[in-house]
């Protein structure tokens, strides 16, 4: 039998067999929370809360004309257990930020540079998005529908989108 206890800052492992009892105790200066290591706040450093890439312009030369730079617990370890994250989105002229959903968080978008017209901007723009989860997840609709593995039947998609099967076949090849 294996019994694991966490008491204050002490991790206790009890391994019991019919003839053996092993007791191991560790002092926890680092704990594992939300899939990431989290340190005692007294041991935090300024760099645990710093990420300079949000200041850098992203490369928008891709098919959709936008690029997302995440700033979450992976890039900023100090955010662990705070339940927040940010992303910077660089938008090229006439860009598209693909339709997507975040299944868990609340999202707030702020335009920093120029004006952002929904998917038809005439100039480049920069937005910052704040999300209420440390790892908000993202599901891009086109990828999920046309690039799923295993693929969704073209017959189902043809009927759902009310288009010719050749259109669906063409879209599925893109993903």
C-alpha atoms as a PDB file:
ATOM      1  CA  UNK A   1       0.000   0.000   0.000  1.00  0.00           C
ATOM      2  CA  UNK A   2       1.246   3.482  -0.859  1.00  0.00           C
ATOM      3  CA  UNK A   3       0.081   6.466   1.153  1.00  0.00           C
ATOM      4  CA  UNK A   4       1.104  10.019   0.270  1.00  0.00           C
ATOM      5  CA  UNK A   5       0.442  12.895   2.650  1.00  0.00           C
ATOM      6  CA  UNK A   6       1.190  16.567   2.248  1.00  0.00           C
ATOM      7  CA  UNK A   7       1.237  18.519   5.489  1.00  0.00           C
ATOM      8  CA  UNK A   8       2.173  22.195   5.399  1.00  0.00           C
ATOM      9  CA  UNK A   9       5.562  22.152   3.701  1.00  0.00           C
ATOM     10  CA  UNK A  10       6.354  18.509   4.386  1.00  0.00           C
ATOM     11  CA  UNK A  11       5.755  15.702   1.929  1.00  0.00           C
ATOM     12  CA  UNK A  12       5.415  12.320   3.602  1.00  0.00           C
ATOM     13  CA  UNK A  13       5.570   9.058   1.702  1.00  0.00           C
ATOM     14  CA  UNK A  14       4.568   5.884   3.504  1.00  0.00           C
ATOM     15  CA  UNK A  15       5.238   2.652   1.670  1.00  0.00           C
ATOM     16  CA  UNK A  16       3.748  -0.305   3.488  1.00  0.00           C
ATOM     17  CA  UNK A  17       4.158  -3.977   2.668  1.00  0.00           C
ATOM     18  CA  UNK A  18       3.307  -6.926   4.941  1.00  0.00           C
ATOM     19  CA  UNK A  19       6.854  -6.911   6.446  1.00  0.00           C
ATOM     20  CA  UNK A  20       8.116  -3.407   5.748  1.00  0.00           C
ATOM     21  CA  UNK A  21       7.175   0.175   6.523  1.00  0.00           C
ATOM     22  CA  UNK A  22       9.200   2.887   4.818  1.00  0.00           C
ATOM     23  CA  UNK A  23       8.779   6.495   5.895  1.00  0.00           C
ATOM     24  CA  UNK A  24      10.282   9.225   3.743  1.00  0.00           C
ATOM     25  CA  UNK A  25       9.858  12.918   4.525  1.00  0.00           C
ATOM     26  CA  UNK A  26      10.784  15.790   2.210  1.00  0.00           C
ATOM     27  CA  UNK A  27      10.828  19.508   2.900  1.00  0.00           C
ATOM     28  CA  UNK A  28       8.811  21.165   0.136  1.00  0.00           C
ATOM     29  CA  UNK A  29      10.356  24.381  -1.117  1.00  0.00           C
ATOM     30  CA  UNK A  30       8.851  23.544  -4.507  1.00  0.00           C
ATOM     31  CA  UNK A  31       5.393  22.056  -5.027  1.00  0.00           C
ATOM     32  CA  UNK A  32       3.600  20.795  -8.135  1.00  0.00           C
ATOM     33  CA  UNK A  33       0.365  22.723  -8.816  1.00  0.00           C
ATOM     34  CA  UNK A  34      -1.738  22.746 -12.011  1.00  0.00           C
ATOM     35  CA  UNK A  35       0.846  20.653 -13.826  1.00  0.00           C
ATOM     36  CA  UNK A  36       3.675  23.128 -13.139  1.00  0.00           C
ATOM     37  CA  UNK A  37       6.217  23.557 -10.374  1.00  0.00           C
ATOM     38  CA  UNK A  38       5.385  26.408  -8.035  1.00  0.00           C
ATOM     39  CA  UNK A  39       7.892  27.835  -5.570  1.00  0.00           C
ATOM     40  CA  UNK A  40       7.420  29.402  -2.198  1.00  0.00           C
ATOM     41  CA  UNK A  41       6.471  33.069  -2.903  1.00  0.00           C
ATOM     42  CA  UNK A  42       9.414  34.168  -0.743  1.00  0.00           C
ATOM     43  CA  UNK A  43      11.727  32.528  -3.278  1.00  0.00           C
ATOM     44  CA  UNK A  44      10.215  34.185  -6.371  1.00  0.00           C
ATOM     45  CA  UNK A  45      12.471  36.303  -8.552  1.00  0.00           C
ATOM     46  CA  UNK A  46      11.552  39.220 -10.816  1.00  0.00           C
ATOM     47  CA  UNK A  47      12.272  37.053 -13.876  1.00  0.00           C
ATOM     48  CA  UNK A  48       9.469  34.688 -12.791  1.00  0.00           C
ATOM     49  CA  UNK A  49       7.061  37.501 -13.754  1.00  0.00           C
ATOM     50  CA  UNK A  50       8.838  38.880 -16.827  1.00  0.00           C
ATOM     51  CA  UNK A  51       8.355  38.083 -20.524  1.00  0.00           C
ATOM     52  CA  UNK A  52       9.736  40.503 -23.110  1.00  0.00           C
ATOM     53  CA  UNK A  53       8.287  38.825 -26.229  1.00  0.00           C
ATOM     54  CA  UNK A  54       5.026  40.763 -25.850  1.00  0.00           C
ATOM     55  CA  UNK A  55       7.007  43.808 -27.023  1.00  0.00           C
ATOM     56  CA  UNK A  56       8.140  42.100 -30.238  1.00  0.00           C
ATOM     57  CA  UNK A  57       6.228  42.309 -33.503  1.00  0.00           C
ATOM     58  CA  UNK A  58       5.180  38.854 -34.680  1.00  0.00           C
ATOM     59  CA  UNK A  59       5.644  37.518 -38.206  1.00  0.00           C
ATOM     60  CA  UNK A  60       2.264  37.708 -39.962  1.00  0.00           C
ATOM     61  CA  UNK A  61       3.416  36.298 -43.308  1.00  0.00           C
ATOM     62  CA  UNK A  62       1.242  33.193 -43.127  1.00  0.00           C
ATOM     63  CA  UNK A  63      -2.022  32.179 -44.835  1.00  0.00           C
ATOM     64  CA  UNK A  64      -4.294  33.907 -42.289  1.00  0.00           C
ATOM     65  CA  UNK A  65      -2.179  37.042 -41.756  1.00  0.00           C
ATOM     66  CA  UNK A  66      -2.058  36.991 -37.977  1.00  0.00           C
ATOM     67  CA  UNK A  67       0.200  35.513 -35.323  1.00  0.00           C
ATOM     68  CA  UNK A  68      -0.418  34.865 -31.647  1.00  0.00           C
ATOM     69  CA  UNK A  69       2.305  35.276 -29.015  1.00  0.00           C
ATOM     70  CA  UNK A  70       1.176  33.590 -25.783  1.00  0.00           C
ATOM     71  CA  UNK A  71       2.179  34.795 -22.333  1.00  0.00           C
ATOM     72  CA  UNK A  72       0.987  32.186 -19.903  1.00  0.00           C
ATOM     73  CA  UNK A  73       2.431  30.039 -17.138  1.00  0.00           C
ATOM     74  CA  UNK A  74       4.794  28.350 -19.643  1.00  0.00           C
ATOM     75  CA  UNK A  75       6.469  31.675 -20.502  1.00  0.00           C
ATOM     76  CA  UNK A  76       5.885  33.398 -17.122  1.00  0.00           C
ATOM     77  CA  UNK A  77       6.269  30.835 -14.302  1.00  0.00           C
ATOM     78  CA  UNK A  78       5.141  33.337 -11.670  1.00  0.00           C
ATOM     79  CA  UNK A  79       1.604  33.173 -13.078  1.00  0.00           C
ATOM     80  CA  UNK A  80       1.132  29.640 -11.746  1.00  0.00           C
ATOM     81  CA  UNK A  81      -2.014  29.391  -9.612  1.00  0.00           C
ATOM     82  CA  UNK A  82      -3.029  32.996 -10.423  1.00  0.00           C
ATOM     83  CA  UNK A  83      -5.454  31.871 -13.146  1.00  0.00           C
ATOM     84  CA  UNK A  84      -4.504  34.484 -15.757  1.00  0.00           C
ATOM     85  CA  UNK A  85      -2.751  34.636 -19.110  1.00  0.00           C
ATOM     86  CA  UNK A  86      -2.267  37.052 -21.994  1.00  0.00           C
ATOM     87  CA  UNK A  87      -1.706  36.830 -25.699  1.00  0.00           C
ATOM     88  CA  UNK A  88      -0.465  39.403 -28.172  1.00  0.00           C
ATOM     89  CA  UNK A  89      -1.976  39.139 -31.640  1.00  0.00           C
ATOM     90  CA  UNK A  90      -0.300  40.859 -34.572  1.00  0.00           C
ATOM     91  CA  UNK A  91      -2.684  41.432 -37.481  1.00  0.00           C
ATOM     92  CA  UNK A  92      -1.504  42.115 -41.048  1.00  0.00           C
ATOM     93  CA  UNK A  93      -3.654  44.307 -43.315  1.00  0.00           C
ATOM     94  CA  UNK A  94      -6.723  42.381 -44.498  1.00  0.00           C
ATOM     95  CA  UNK A  95      -5.875  39.677 -41.986  1.00  0.00           C
ATOM     96  CA  UNK A  96      -7.937  36.959 -40.455  1.00  0.00           C
ATOM     97  CA  UNK A  97      -7.804  35.877 -36.855  1.00  0.00           C
ATOM     98  CA  UNK A  98      -9.390  32.485 -37.490  1.00  0.00           C
ATOM     99  CA  UNK A  99     -12.724  31.834 -35.782  1.00  0.00           C
ATOM    100  CA  UNK A 100     -11.957  29.970 -32.588  1.00  0.00           C
ATOM    101  CA  UNK A 101     -13.188  29.284 -29.087  1.00  0.00           C
ATOM    102  CA  UNK A 102     -11.623  29.065 -25.664  1.00  0.00           C
ATOM    103  CA  UNK A 103     -13.675  26.504 -23.825  1.00  0.00           C
ATOM    104  CA  UNK A 104     -12.710  27.601 -20.334  1.00  0.00           C
ATOM    105  CA  UNK A 105     -11.911  31.301 -19.853  1.00  0.00           C
ATOM    106  CA  UNK A 106     -13.432  34.714 -20.151  1.00  0.00           C
ATOM    107  CA  UNK A 107     -11.649  36.779 -22.828  1.00  0.00           C
ATOM    108  CA  UNK A 108     -11.103  40.547 -23.074  1.00  0.00           C
ATOM    109  CA  UNK A 109      -9.472  42.052 -26.184  1.00  0.00           C
ATOM    110  CA  UNK A 110      -7.800  45.495 -26.330  1.00  0.00           C
ATOM    111  CA  UNK A 111      -6.617  47.129 -29.571  1.00  0.00           C
ATOM    112  CA  UNK A 112      -3.212  48.732 -28.972  1.00  0.00           C
ATOM    113  CA  UNK A 113      -2.138  49.963 -32.383  1.00  0.00           C
ATOM    114  CA  UNK A 114      -4.417  51.365 -35.117  1.00  0.00           C
ATOM    115  CA  UNK A 115      -7.985  50.169 -35.611  1.00  0.00           C
ATOM    116  CA  UNK A 116      -9.139  46.603 -35.922  1.00  0.00           C
ATOM    117  CA  UNK A 117     -12.104  46.027 -38.197  1.00  0.00           C
ATOM    118  CA  UNK A 118     -13.397  42.526 -37.834  1.00  0.00           C
ATOM    119  CA  UNK A 119     -11.369  40.552 -40.380  1.00  0.00           C
ATOM    120  CA  UNK A 120     -11.209  43.388 -42.948  1.00  0.00           C
ATOM    121  CA  UNK A 121      -8.602  45.784 -41.523  1.00  0.00           C
ATOM    122  CA  UNK A 122      -6.852  48.112 -43.980  1.00  0.00           C
ATOM    123  CA  UNK A 123      -3.687  48.496 -41.888  1.00  0.00           C
ATOM    124  CA  UNK A 124      -1.766  46.307 -39.487  1.00  0.00           C
ATOM    125  CA  UNK A 125      -3.014  46.223 -35.911  1.00  0.00           C
ATOM    126  CA  UNK A 126      -1.894  44.857 -32.545  1.00  0.00           C
ATOM    127  CA  UNK A 127      -4.210  43.504 -29.885  1.00  0.00           C
ATOM    128  CA  UNK A 128      -3.657  42.219 -26.384  1.00  0.00           C
ATOM    129  CA  UNK A 129      -6.055  39.611 -25.063  1.00  0.00           C
ATOM    130  CA  UNK A 130      -6.434  38.861 -21.353  1.00  0.00           C
ATOM    131  CA  UNK A 131      -7.809  35.450 -20.423  1.00  0.00           C
ATOM    132  CA  UNK A 132      -9.096  34.244 -17.087  1.00  0.00           C
ATOM    133  CA  UNK A 133      -7.199  30.942 -17.061  1.00  0.00           C
ATOM    134  CA  UNK A 134      -3.508  30.164 -16.844  1.00  0.00           C
ATOM    135  CA  UNK A 135      -3.903  27.786 -19.789  1.00  0.00           C
ATOM    136  CA  UNK A 136      -7.000  28.871 -21.727  1.00  0.00           C
ATOM    137  CA  UNK A 137      -6.739  26.310 -24.510  1.00  0.00           C
ATOM    138  CA  UNK A 138      -7.898  27.135 -28.016  1.00  0.00           C
ATOM    139  CA  UNK A 139      -9.921  25.300 -30.625  1.00  0.00           C
ATOM    140  CA  UNK A 140      -9.648  26.760 -34.125  1.00  0.00           C
ATOM    141  CA  UNK A 141     -12.930  25.983 -35.848  1.00  0.00           C
ATOM    142  CA  UNK A 142     -11.585  25.275 -39.359  1.00  0.00           C
ATOM    143  CA  UNK A 143      -8.873  22.961 -37.999  1.00  0.00           C
ATOM    144  CA  UNK A 144     -11.387  21.100 -35.847  1.00  0.00           C
ATOM    145  CA  UNK A 145     -13.928  20.695 -38.661  1.00  0.00           C
ATOM    146  CA  UNK A 146     -11.787  20.155 -41.749  1.00  0.00           C
ATOM    147  CA  UNK A 147      -8.561  18.868 -40.204  1.00  0.00           C
ATOM    148  CA  UNK A 148      -9.888  16.469 -37.589  1.00  0.00           C
ATOM    149  CA  UNK A 149      -8.290  13.060 -37.202  1.00  0.00           C
ATOM    150  CA  UNK A 150     -10.109  10.843 -37.904  1.00  0.00           C
ATOM    151  CA  UNK A 151     -11.753  13.077 -40.490  1.00  0.00           C
ATOM    152  CA  UNK A 152     -15.414  14.004 -40.318  1.00  0.00           C
ATOM    153  CA  UNK A 153     -17.260  12.323 -43.166  1.00  0.00           C
ATOM    154  CA  UNK A 154     -17.462  14.573 -46.252  1.00  0.00           C
ATOM    155  CA  UNK A 155     -21.124  13.544 -46.563  1.00  0.00           C
ATOM    156  CA  UNK A 156     -21.841  14.961 -43.102  1.00  0.00           C
ATOM    157  CA  UNK A 157     -19.969  18.204 -43.850  1.00  0.00           C
ATOM    158  CA  UNK A 158     -21.624  18.553 -47.272  1.00  0.00           C
ATOM    159  CA  UNK A 159     -25.037  18.366 -45.670  1.00  0.00           C
ATOM    160  CA  UNK A 160     -24.118  20.565 -42.676  1.00  0.00           C
ATOM    161  CA  UNK A 161     -22.624  23.371 -44.789  1.00  0.00           C
ATOM    162  CA  UNK A 162     -25.001  22.830 -47.730  1.00  0.00           C
ATOM    163  CA  UNK A 163     -22.209  22.914 -50.298  1.00  0.00           C
ATOM    164  CA  UNK A 164     -20.990  20.576 -53.015  1.00  0.00           C
ATOM    165  CA  UNK A 165     -18.819  17.634 -51.900  1.00  0.00           C
ATOM    166  CA  UNK A 166     -15.959  18.989 -54.056  1.00  0.00           C
ATOM    167  CA  UNK A 167     -15.838  22.090 -51.838  1.00  0.00           C
ATOM    168  CA  UNK A 168     -15.537  19.915 -48.722  1.00  0.00           C
ATOM    169  CA  UNK A 169     -12.870  17.736 -50.344  1.00  0.00           C
ATOM    170  CA  UNK A 170     -10.901  20.851 -51.281  1.00  0.00           C
ATOM    171  CA  UNK A 171     -11.144  22.244 -47.730  1.00  0.00           C
ATOM    172  CA  UNK A 172     -10.135  18.984 -46.064  1.00  0.00           C
ATOM    173  CA  UNK A 173      -6.965  18.816 -48.190  1.00  0.00           C
ATOM    174  CA  UNK A 174      -5.951  22.269 -46.878  1.00  0.00           C
ATOM    175  CA  UNK A 175      -5.733  20.991 -43.315  1.00  0.00           C
END
